[in-house]
Amino acid sequence: MGVLSWLIEEGASDGTDLSGLPVALVVRYSDDEPGSPWTWILYVDVRATHEQRAALEAIYTGRAGGDAQAHFPWAWKASELAAVRPVAFDVDHTRRRQRLRIRDRVSVRIRDRYQGEETVSCIISGHDRTGEELITDELVVEDERLQFSYRGVCGYGSTFDYAGA
């Protein structure tokens, strides 16, 4: 269970500018289940136009093709998209102090860099790029289909580069 988030610095899809838009996913999967199916919710910025929302949904579901099959396991594994929600984001991707708040649904705060010797690794997009392992101060999800809460668990911060079809 976890939360993934992106802040698109610059980019476009079929001429639709996506620069400055945040996107987040709340996910649940278990390697102990056959096929480790995913259940996930996609959050897109409420300020996005209809065209921007449609482009983001196509990219993050994998329907737009491109790198999604290499980077997004929910796009190529068995999965259930539980909802796509236009929401207000409060997001700050400042290094080692990241925070994400999706009103009444999601709250993530990063405490600091992970100080241990071991590599913290999971199926997070961006692990193929230089980044840093982090520790959360808070990770709370309260959505209809997915609800969980953790403190002091691992996180990962990195840049990300997606290329469409």
N, C-alpha and C. Protein backbone atom coordinates (compact mmCIF):
# COMPACT_ATOMS: atom_id res chain seq x y z
N MET A 1 0.85 -1.17 0.00
CA MET A 1 0.00 0.00 0.00
C MET A 1 0.89 1.22 0.00
N GLY A 2 0.51 2.23 -0.73
CA GLY A 2 1.33 3.41 -0.77
C GLY A 2 0.73 4.51 -1.61
N VAL A 3 1.49 5.58 -1.71
CA VAL A 3 1.11 6.76 -2.47
C VAL A 3 2.26 7.13 -3.38
N LEU A 4 1.97 7.36 -4.64
CA LEU A 4 2.95 7.85 -5.60
C LEU A 4 2.48 9.22 -6.06
N SER A 5 3.41 10.15 -6.23
CA SER A 5 3.00 11.47 -6.73
C SER A 5 4.04 12.01 -7.68
N TRP A 6 3.57 12.84 -8.59
CA TRP A 6 4.41 13.50 -9.58
C TRP A 6 4.00 14.96 -9.65
N LEU A 7 4.96 15.82 -9.88
CA LEU A 7 4.71 17.22 -10.20
C LEU A 7 5.35 17.45 -11.56
N ILE A 8 4.54 17.63 -12.57
CA ILE A 8 5.03 17.73 -13.94
C ILE A 8 5.67 19.10 -14.14
N GLU A 9 6.99 19.10 -14.27
CA GLU A 9 7.70 20.36 -14.47
C GLU A 9 7.41 20.94 -15.84
N GLU A 10 7.53 20.09 -16.86
CA GLU A 10 7.19 20.51 -18.21
C GLU A 10 6.80 19.30 -19.01
N GLY A 11 5.86 19.50 -19.92
CA GLY A 11 5.45 18.39 -20.76
C GLY A 11 4.11 18.66 -21.42
N ALA A 12 3.84 17.88 -22.44
CA ALA A 12 2.60 18.02 -23.20
C ALA A 12 2.22 16.66 -23.76
N SER A 13 0.95 16.51 -24.08
CA SER A 13 0.45 15.31 -24.72
C SER A 13 -0.44 15.74 -25.88
N ASP A 14 -0.04 15.37 -27.08
CA ASP A 14 -0.80 15.74 -28.29
C ASP A 14 -1.14 17.23 -28.30
N GLY A 15 -0.17 18.06 -27.94
CA GLY A 15 -0.36 19.51 -27.97
C GLY A 15 -1.04 20.10 -26.74
N THR A 16 -1.46 19.27 -25.80
CA THR A 16 -2.07 19.76 -24.57
C THR A 16 -0.99 19.93 -23.51
N ASP A 17 -0.77 21.15 -23.08
CA ASP A 17 0.26 21.45 -22.09
C ASP A 17 -0.13 20.87 -20.73
N LEU A 18 0.79 20.14 -20.11
CA LEU A 18 0.56 19.54 -18.79
C LEU A 18 1.50 20.12 -17.74
N SER A 19 2.29 21.10 -18.10
CA SER A 19 3.29 21.70 -17.21
C SER A 19 2.64 22.25 -15.95
N GLY A 20 3.27 21.96 -14.82
CA GLY A 20 2.82 22.48 -13.54
C GLY A 20 1.72 21.69 -12.86
N LEU A 21 1.25 20.62 -13.49
CA LEU A 21 0.14 19.86 -12.91
C LEU A 21 0.66 18.73 -12.01
N PRO A 22 0.07 18.57 -10.84
CA PRO A 22 0.38 17.41 -9.99
C PRO A 22 -0.54 16.24 -10.32
N VAL A 23 -0.05 15.04 -10.07
CA VAL A 23 -0.80 13.80 -10.26
C VAL A 23 -0.42 12.90 -9.09
N ALA A 24 -1.36 12.11 -8.61
CA ALA A 24 -1.04 11.16 -7.53
C ALA A 24 -1.83 9.87 -7.73
N LEU A 25 -1.27 8.79 -7.19
CA LEU A 25 -1.94 7.50 -7.17
C LEU A 25 -1.89 6.97 -5.75
N VAL A 26 -2.99 6.40 -5.31
CA VAL A 26 -3.02 5.60 -4.09
C VAL A 26 -3.14 4.17 -4.57
N VAL A 27 -2.27 3.30 -4.06
CA VAL A 27 -2.20 1.94 -4.59
C VAL A 27 -2.23 0.90 -3.48
N ARG A 28 -2.71 -0.27 -3.86
CA ARG A 28 -2.65 -1.43 -3.00
C ARG A 28 -2.40 -2.64 -3.89
N TYR A 29 -1.40 -3.41 -3.50
CA TYR A 29 -1.15 -4.69 -4.15
C TYR A 29 -0.39 -5.57 -3.18
N SER A 30 -0.38 -6.86 -3.43
CA SER A 30 0.35 -7.77 -2.57
C SER A 30 1.01 -8.84 -3.42
N ASP A 31 2.30 -9.00 -3.24
CA ASP A 31 3.01 -10.06 -3.95
C ASP A 31 2.58 -11.45 -3.49
N ASP A 32 1.86 -11.52 -2.36
CA ASP A 32 1.38 -12.81 -1.85
C ASP A 32 0.10 -13.27 -2.56
N GLU A 33 -0.54 -12.37 -3.31
CA GLU A 33 -1.73 -12.74 -4.08
C GLU A 33 -1.28 -13.21 -5.46
N PRO A 34 -1.90 -14.25 -6.00
CA PRO A 34 -1.54 -14.69 -7.35
C PRO A 34 -1.66 -13.56 -8.35
N GLY A 35 -0.59 -13.28 -9.08
CA GLY A 35 -0.57 -12.21 -10.06
C GLY A 35 -0.38 -10.83 -9.47
N SER A 36 -0.37 -10.74 -8.15
CA SER A 36 -0.25 -9.47 -7.39
C SER A 36 -1.04 -8.33 -8.05
N PRO A 37 -2.37 -8.48 -8.14
CA PRO A 37 -3.19 -7.46 -8.78
C PRO A 37 -3.18 -6.14 -8.00
N TRP A 38 -3.32 -5.06 -8.71
CA TRP A 38 -3.31 -3.72 -8.14
C TRP A 38 -4.74 -3.19 -8.04
N THR A 39 -5.02 -2.48 -6.97
CA THR A 39 -6.21 -1.64 -6.85
C THR A 39 -5.67 -0.23 -6.67
N TRP A 40 -6.18 0.71 -7.44
CA TRP A 40 -5.59 2.04 -7.39
C TRP A 40 -6.60 3.13 -7.71
N ILE A 41 -6.30 4.31 -7.20
CA ILE A 41 -7.10 5.51 -7.43
C ILE A 41 -6.17 6.56 -8.03
N LEU A 42 -6.61 7.18 -9.09
CA LEU A 42 -5.85 8.24 -9.76
C LEU A 42 -6.43 9.59 -9.36
N TYR A 43 -5.57 10.48 -8.90
CA TYR A 43 -5.97 11.85 -8.55
C TYR A 43 -5.34 12.82 -9.54
N VAL A 44 -6.17 13.67 -10.13
CA VAL A 44 -5.69 14.70 -11.05
C VAL A 44 -6.13 16.06 -10.52
N ASP A 45 -5.39 17.07 -10.87
CA ASP A 45 -5.63 18.42 -10.35
C ASP A 45 -6.98 18.95 -10.81
N VAL A 46 -7.76 19.44 -9.87
CA VAL A 46 -9.08 19.98 -10.16
C VAL A 46 -9.00 21.21 -11.08
N ARG A 47 -7.85 21.88 -11.09
CA ARG A 47 -7.66 23.06 -11.95
C ARG A 47 -7.42 22.69 -13.41
N ALA A 48 -7.14 21.42 -13.67
CA ALA A 48 -6.84 20.99 -15.04
C ALA A 48 -8.09 21.11 -15.91
N THR A 49 -7.87 21.45 -17.16
CA THR A 49 -8.98 21.50 -18.12
C THR A 49 -9.44 20.07 -18.43
N HIS A 50 -10.57 19.96 -19.10
CA HIS A 50 -11.06 18.64 -19.51
C HIS A 50 -10.01 17.92 -20.36
N GLU A 51 -9.37 18.64 -21.30
CA GLU A 51 -8.36 18.04 -22.16
C GLU A 51 -7.15 17.58 -21.35
N GLN A 52 -6.71 18.38 -20.36
CA GLN A 52 -5.59 17.99 -19.53
C GLN A 52 -5.91 16.76 -18.68
N ARG A 53 -7.10 16.73 -18.11
CA ARG A 53 -7.51 15.57 -17.32
C ARG A 53 -7.54 14.31 -18.17
N ALA A 54 -8.09 14.42 -19.37
CA ALA A 54 -8.17 13.26 -20.27
C ALA A 54 -6.77 12.78 -20.64
N ALA A 55 -5.86 13.71 -20.90
CA ALA A 55 -4.48 13.34 -21.25
C ALA A 55 -3.79 12.66 -20.08
N LEU A 56 -3.94 13.20 -18.88
CA LEU A 56 -3.32 12.60 -17.70
C LEU A 56 -3.87 11.21 -17.43
N GLU A 57 -5.18 11.06 -17.56
CA GLU A 57 -5.78 9.74 -17.35
C GLU A 57 -5.25 8.74 -18.38
N ALA A 58 -5.14 9.16 -19.64
CA ALA A 58 -4.63 8.26 -20.68
C ALA A 58 -3.18 7.87 -20.40
N ILE A 59 -2.37 8.82 -19.96
CA ILE A 59 -0.96 8.53 -19.67
C ILE A 59 -0.84 7.58 -18.48
N TYR A 60 -1.46 7.92 -17.36
CA TYR A 60 -1.25 7.15 -16.13
C TYR A 60 -1.99 5.82 -16.09
N THR A 61 -2.98 5.62 -16.94
CA THR A 61 -3.59 4.30 -17.05
C THR A 61 -2.84 3.42 -18.03
N GLY A 62 -1.96 4.03 -18.83
CA GLY A 62 -1.22 3.29 -19.84
C GLY A 62 -1.89 3.28 -21.20
N ARG A 63 -3.10 3.83 -21.31
CA ARG A 63 -3.81 3.83 -22.59
C ARG A 63 -3.10 4.67 -23.65
N ALA A 64 -2.29 5.64 -23.24
CA ALA A 64 -1.59 6.50 -24.20
C ALA A 64 -0.37 5.79 -24.78
N GLY A 65 -0.02 4.62 -24.25
CA GLY A 65 1.14 3.89 -24.74
C GLY A 65 2.43 4.50 -24.23
N GLY A 66 3.47 4.45 -25.03
CA GLY A 66 4.74 5.02 -24.64
C GLY A 66 5.41 4.23 -23.53
N ASP A 67 6.11 4.94 -22.64
CA ASP A 67 6.89 4.33 -21.57
C ASP A 67 6.05 3.70 -20.46
N ALA A 68 4.77 3.89 -20.47
CA ALA A 68 3.93 3.40 -19.37
C ALA A 68 4.13 1.91 -19.11
N GLN A 69 4.25 1.12 -20.15
CA GLN A 69 4.42 -0.31 -19.97
C GLN A 69 5.72 -0.66 -19.26
N ALA A 70 6.72 0.21 -19.37
CA ALA A 70 8.00 -0.03 -18.69
C ALA A 70 8.00 0.50 -17.27
N HIS A 71 7.23 1.56 -16.99
CA HIS A 71 7.32 2.26 -15.71
C HIS A 71 6.15 2.03 -14.77
N PHE A 72 4.98 1.74 -15.28
CA PHE A 72 3.77 1.71 -14.47
C PHE A 72 3.23 0.29 -14.36
N PRO A 73 3.54 -0.44 -13.28
CA PRO A 73 3.08 -1.82 -13.16
C PRO A 73 1.56 -1.94 -13.15
N TRP A 74 0.85 -0.93 -12.66
CA TRP A 74 -0.61 -0.99 -12.67
C TRP A 74 -1.16 -0.94 -14.09
N ALA A 75 -0.33 -0.52 -15.07
CA ALA A 75 -0.75 -0.48 -16.47
C ALA A 75 -0.55 -1.82 -17.17
N TRP A 76 0.39 -2.64 -16.71
CA TRP A 76 0.65 -3.90 -17.39
C TRP A 76 0.30 -5.13 -16.57
N LYS A 77 0.05 -4.97 -15.28
CA LYS A 77 -0.37 -6.11 -14.45
C LYS A 77 -1.89 -6.10 -14.32
N ALA A 78 -2.42 -7.18 -13.78
CA ALA A 78 -3.85 -7.19 -13.47
C ALA A 78 -4.12 -6.06 -12.49
N SER A 79 -5.11 -5.24 -12.77
CA SER A 79 -5.39 -4.12 -11.88
C SER A 79 -6.83 -3.67 -12.00
N GLU A 80 -7.25 -2.96 -10.96
CA GLU A 80 -8.58 -2.35 -10.94
C GLU A 80 -8.41 -0.87 -10.63
N LEU A 81 -8.77 -0.03 -11.59
CA LEU A 81 -8.80 1.41 -11.36
C LEU A 81 -10.10 1.71 -10.63
N ALA A 82 -10.01 1.98 -9.34
CA ALA A 82 -11.20 2.16 -8.51
C ALA A 82 -11.88 3.50 -8.76
N ALA A 83 -11.09 4.53 -9.10
CA ALA A 83 -11.68 5.86 -9.33
C ALA A 83 -10.64 6.78 -9.95
N VAL A 84 -11.13 7.77 -10.67
CA VAL A 84 -10.32 8.91 -11.11
C VAL A 84 -10.98 10.12 -10.48
N ARG A 85 -10.21 10.84 -9.66
CA ARG A 85 -10.80 11.94 -8.90
C ARG A 85 -10.09 13.27 -9.21
N PRO A 86 -10.84 14.25 -9.68
CA PRO A 86 -10.29 15.61 -9.75
C PRO A 86 -10.31 16.19 -8.33
N VAL A 87 -9.15 16.61 -7.85
CA VAL A 87 -9.02 17.06 -6.46
C VAL A 87 -8.13 18.30 -6.38
N ALA A 88 -8.24 18.98 -5.26
CA ALA A 88 -7.33 20.09 -4.97
C ALA A 88 -6.09 19.51 -4.30
N PHE A 89 -4.94 19.87 -4.83
CA PHE A 89 -3.66 19.40 -4.31
C PHE A 89 -2.98 20.50 -3.51
N ASP A 90 -2.30 20.11 -2.45
CA ASP A 90 -1.31 20.94 -1.78
C ASP A 90 -0.05 20.09 -1.85
N VAL A 91 0.89 20.47 -2.70
CA VAL A 91 2.06 19.63 -2.95
C VAL A 91 3.33 20.47 -2.92
N ASP A 92 4.36 19.89 -2.32
CA ASP A 92 5.67 20.51 -2.28
C ASP A 92 6.69 19.40 -2.43
N HIS A 93 7.45 19.39 -3.50
CA HIS A 93 8.46 18.37 -3.73
C HIS A 93 9.85 18.87 -3.37
N THR A 94 9.94 19.78 -2.39
CA THR A 94 11.24 20.23 -1.91
C THR A 94 12.01 19.04 -1.36
N ARG A 95 13.22 18.89 -1.78
CA ARG A 95 14.04 17.74 -1.41
C ARG A 95 14.07 17.53 0.10
N ARG A 96 13.80 16.30 0.53
CA ARG A 96 13.81 15.83 1.92
C ARG A 96 12.73 16.45 2.80
N ARG A 97 11.87 17.23 2.27
CA ARG A 97 10.76 17.81 3.03
C ARG A 97 9.47 17.74 2.21
N GLN A 98 9.38 16.74 1.34
CA GLN A 98 8.22 16.61 0.47
C GLN A 98 6.95 16.49 1.30
N ARG A 99 5.88 17.03 0.73
CA ARG A 99 4.57 16.84 1.34
C ARG A 99 3.52 16.82 0.23
N LEU A 100 2.49 16.09 0.51
CA LEU A 100 1.35 15.99 -0.40
C LEU A 100 0.10 15.95 0.45
N ARG A 101 -0.83 16.81 0.13
CA ARG A 101 -2.12 16.78 0.81
C ARG A 101 -3.21 16.86 -0.25
N ILE A 102 -4.08 15.88 -0.21
CA ILE A 102 -5.27 15.86 -1.05
C ILE A 102 -6.43 15.92 -0.09
N ARG A 103 -7.07 17.05 -0.08
CA ARG A 103 -8.07 17.38 0.93
C ARG A 103 -9.00 16.21 1.26
N ASP A 104 -9.05 15.89 2.55
CA ASP A 104 -9.94 14.87 3.10
C ASP A 104 -9.69 13.46 2.58
N ARG A 105 -8.56 13.24 1.89
CA ARG A 105 -8.31 11.91 1.34
C ARG A 105 -6.90 11.39 1.60
N VAL A 106 -5.88 12.22 1.38
CA VAL A 106 -4.49 11.75 1.43
C VAL A 106 -3.61 12.79 2.10
N SER A 107 -2.69 12.32 2.94
CA SER A 107 -1.68 13.21 3.53
C SER A 107 -0.37 12.43 3.63
N VAL A 108 0.68 13.00 3.04
CA VAL A 108 2.01 12.41 3.09
C VAL A 108 2.99 13.51 3.47
N ARG A 109 3.82 13.23 4.49
CA ARG A 109 4.89 14.16 4.88
C ARG A 109 6.18 13.37 5.01
N ILE A 110 7.23 13.85 4.39
CA ILE A 110 8.54 13.22 4.48
C ILE A 110 9.30 13.84 5.65
N ARG A 111 9.89 13.00 6.47
CA ARG A 111 10.66 13.45 7.63
C ARG A 111 12.08 13.81 7.24
N ASP A 112 12.77 12.89 6.54
CA ASP A 112 14.17 13.12 6.23
C ASP A 112 14.67 11.98 5.35
N ARG A 113 15.93 12.03 5.02
CA ARG A 113 16.59 10.97 4.26
C ARG A 113 16.75 9.74 5.14
N TYR A 114 16.62 8.56 4.54
CA TYR A 114 16.85 7.31 5.25
C TYR A 114 18.34 7.19 5.55
N GLN A 115 18.68 6.94 6.80
CA GLN A 115 20.08 6.94 7.22
C GLN A 115 20.73 5.56 7.24
N GLY A 116 19.98 4.50 6.99
CA GLY A 116 20.52 3.15 7.05
C GLY A 116 21.44 2.81 5.90
N GLU A 117 22.12 1.69 6.03
CA GLU A 117 23.04 1.22 5.01
C GLU A 117 22.34 0.48 3.87
N GLU A 118 21.20 -0.18 4.19
CA GLU A 118 20.53 -0.98 3.18
C GLU A 118 19.82 -0.09 2.16
N THR A 119 19.61 -0.70 1.00
CA THR A 119 18.86 -0.01 -0.05
C THR A 119 17.38 -0.25 0.19
N VAL A 120 16.61 0.82 0.23
CA VAL A 120 15.16 0.72 0.35
C VAL A 120 14.62 0.70 -1.07
N SER A 121 14.03 -0.40 -1.46
CA SER A 121 13.59 -0.50 -2.84
C SER A 121 12.24 -1.18 -2.90
N CYS A 122 11.41 -0.66 -3.73
CA CYS A 122 10.13 -1.28 -4.03
C CYS A 122 9.77 -0.88 -5.43
N ILE A 123 8.57 -1.18 -5.86
CA ILE A 123 8.21 -0.99 -7.26
C ILE A 123 7.75 0.46 -7.47
N ILE A 124 8.68 1.37 -7.37
CA ILE A 124 8.38 2.79 -7.49
C ILE A 124 8.99 3.31 -8.78
N SER A 125 8.17 3.95 -9.58
CA SER A 125 8.67 4.55 -10.82
C SER A 125 9.76 5.55 -10.49
N GLY A 126 10.88 5.48 -11.18
CA GLY A 126 11.98 6.40 -10.95
C GLY A 126 13.18 5.75 -10.31
N HIS A 127 13.05 4.47 -9.88
CA HIS A 127 14.20 3.81 -9.27
C HIS A 127 15.34 3.61 -10.25
N ASP A 128 15.06 3.74 -11.54
CA ASP A 128 16.12 3.62 -12.53
C ASP A 128 16.92 4.91 -12.65
N ARG A 129 16.54 5.95 -11.92
CA ARG A 129 17.20 7.25 -11.96
C ARG A 129 17.80 7.54 -10.58
N THR A 130 18.76 8.44 -10.55
CA THR A 130 19.34 8.83 -9.28
C THR A 130 18.28 9.50 -8.42
N GLY A 131 18.18 9.07 -7.18
CA GLY A 131 17.21 9.64 -6.26
C GLY A 131 17.69 9.44 -4.84
N GLU A 132 16.78 9.58 -3.90
CA GLU A 132 17.16 9.34 -2.52
C GLU A 132 16.06 8.64 -1.76
N GLU A 133 16.50 7.76 -0.87
CA GLU A 133 15.59 7.01 -0.03
C GLU A 133 15.20 7.88 1.15
N LEU A 134 13.93 7.87 1.49
CA LEU A 134 13.38 8.79 2.48
C LEU A 134 12.60 8.05 3.55
N ILE A 135 12.30 8.75 4.62
CA ILE A 135 11.44 8.23 5.69
C ILE A 135 10.24 9.16 5.82
N THR A 136 9.06 8.57 5.91
CA THR A 136 7.85 9.38 6.06
C THR A 136 7.62 9.74 7.52
N ASP A 137 7.09 10.90 7.72
CA ASP A 137 6.60 11.32 9.03
C ASP A 137 5.15 10.86 9.15
N GLU A 138 4.46 10.89 8.01
CA GLU A 138 3.05 10.52 7.99
C GLU A 138 2.66 10.09 6.58
N LEU A 139 1.88 9.03 6.49
CA LEU A 139 1.28 8.59 5.24
C LEU A 139 -0.12 8.11 5.61
N VAL A 140 -1.13 8.89 5.27
CA VAL A 140 -2.51 8.57 5.63
C VAL A 140 -3.37 8.62 4.38
N VAL A 141 -4.14 7.57 4.15
CA VAL A 141 -5.10 7.52 3.05
C VAL A 141 -6.46 7.19 3.62
N GLU A 142 -7.43 8.03 3.32
CA GLU A 142 -8.81 7.80 3.75
C GLU A 142 -9.72 8.05 2.56
N ASP A 143 -9.74 7.08 1.65
CA ASP A 143 -10.62 7.15 0.50
C ASP A 143 -11.58 5.98 0.60
N GLU A 144 -12.67 6.02 -0.13
CA GLU A 144 -13.70 5.00 0.02
C GLU A 144 -13.17 3.58 -0.16
N ARG A 145 -12.39 3.34 -1.19
CA ARG A 145 -11.92 1.99 -1.51
C ARG A 145 -10.60 1.63 -0.84
N LEU A 146 -9.79 2.62 -0.50
CA LEU A 146 -8.48 2.36 0.08
C LEU A 146 -8.29 3.22 1.32
N GLN A 147 -7.97 2.55 2.43
CA GLN A 147 -7.75 3.27 3.69
C GLN A 147 -6.60 2.60 4.43
N PHE A 148 -5.59 3.40 4.78
CA PHE A 148 -4.47 2.91 5.56
C PHE A 148 -3.70 4.09 6.13
N SER A 149 -2.86 3.79 7.12
CA SER A 149 -2.09 4.83 7.79
C SER A 149 -0.76 4.25 8.26
N TYR A 150 0.32 4.95 7.98
CA TYR A 150 1.66 4.52 8.38
C TYR A 150 2.47 5.72 8.86
N ARG A 151 3.44 5.44 9.69
CA ARG A 151 4.42 6.44 10.12
C ARG A 151 5.79 5.77 10.10
N GLY A 152 6.80 6.51 9.65
CA GLY A 152 8.16 6.01 9.68
C GLY A 152 8.48 4.95 8.64
N VAL A 153 7.71 4.88 7.57
CA VAL A 153 7.98 3.90 6.51
C VAL A 153 8.83 4.54 5.40
N CYS A 154 9.32 3.71 4.50
CA CYS A 154 10.22 4.20 3.46
C CYS A 154 9.47 4.96 2.38
N GLY A 155 10.23 5.81 1.72
CA GLY A 155 9.76 6.54 0.56
C GLY A 155 10.93 6.69 -0.39
N TYR A 156 10.68 7.26 -1.55
CA TYR A 156 11.74 7.46 -2.53
C TYR A 156 11.43 8.72 -3.32
N GLY A 157 12.41 9.59 -3.46
CA GLY A 157 12.26 10.81 -4.23
C GLY A 157 13.20 10.81 -5.41
N SER A 158 12.69 11.14 -6.59
CA SER A 158 13.50 11.10 -7.80
C SER A 158 12.85 11.96 -8.87
N THR A 159 13.63 12.28 -9.89
CA THR A 159 13.03 12.85 -11.10
C THR A 159 12.45 11.69 -11.89
N PHE A 160 11.71 12.01 -12.92
CA PHE A 160 11.07 10.99 -13.73
C PHE A 160 10.94 11.54 -15.13
N ASP A 161 11.08 10.69 -16.12
CA ASP A 161 10.98 11.13 -17.51
C ASP A 161 10.10 10.13 -18.25
N TYR A 162 8.97 10.61 -18.75
CA TYR A 162 8.03 9.77 -19.49
C TYR A 162 8.04 10.20 -20.95
N ALA A 163 8.02 9.25 -21.84
CA ALA A 163 7.92 9.54 -23.26
C ALA A 163 6.73 8.80 -23.83
N GLY A 164 5.88 9.51 -24.51
CA GLY A 164 4.68 8.92 -25.08
C GLY A 164 4.97 8.17 -26.36
N ALA A 165 3.90 7.62 -26.91
CA ALA A 165 4.03 6.83 -28.13
C ALA A 165 4.41 7.69 -29.32
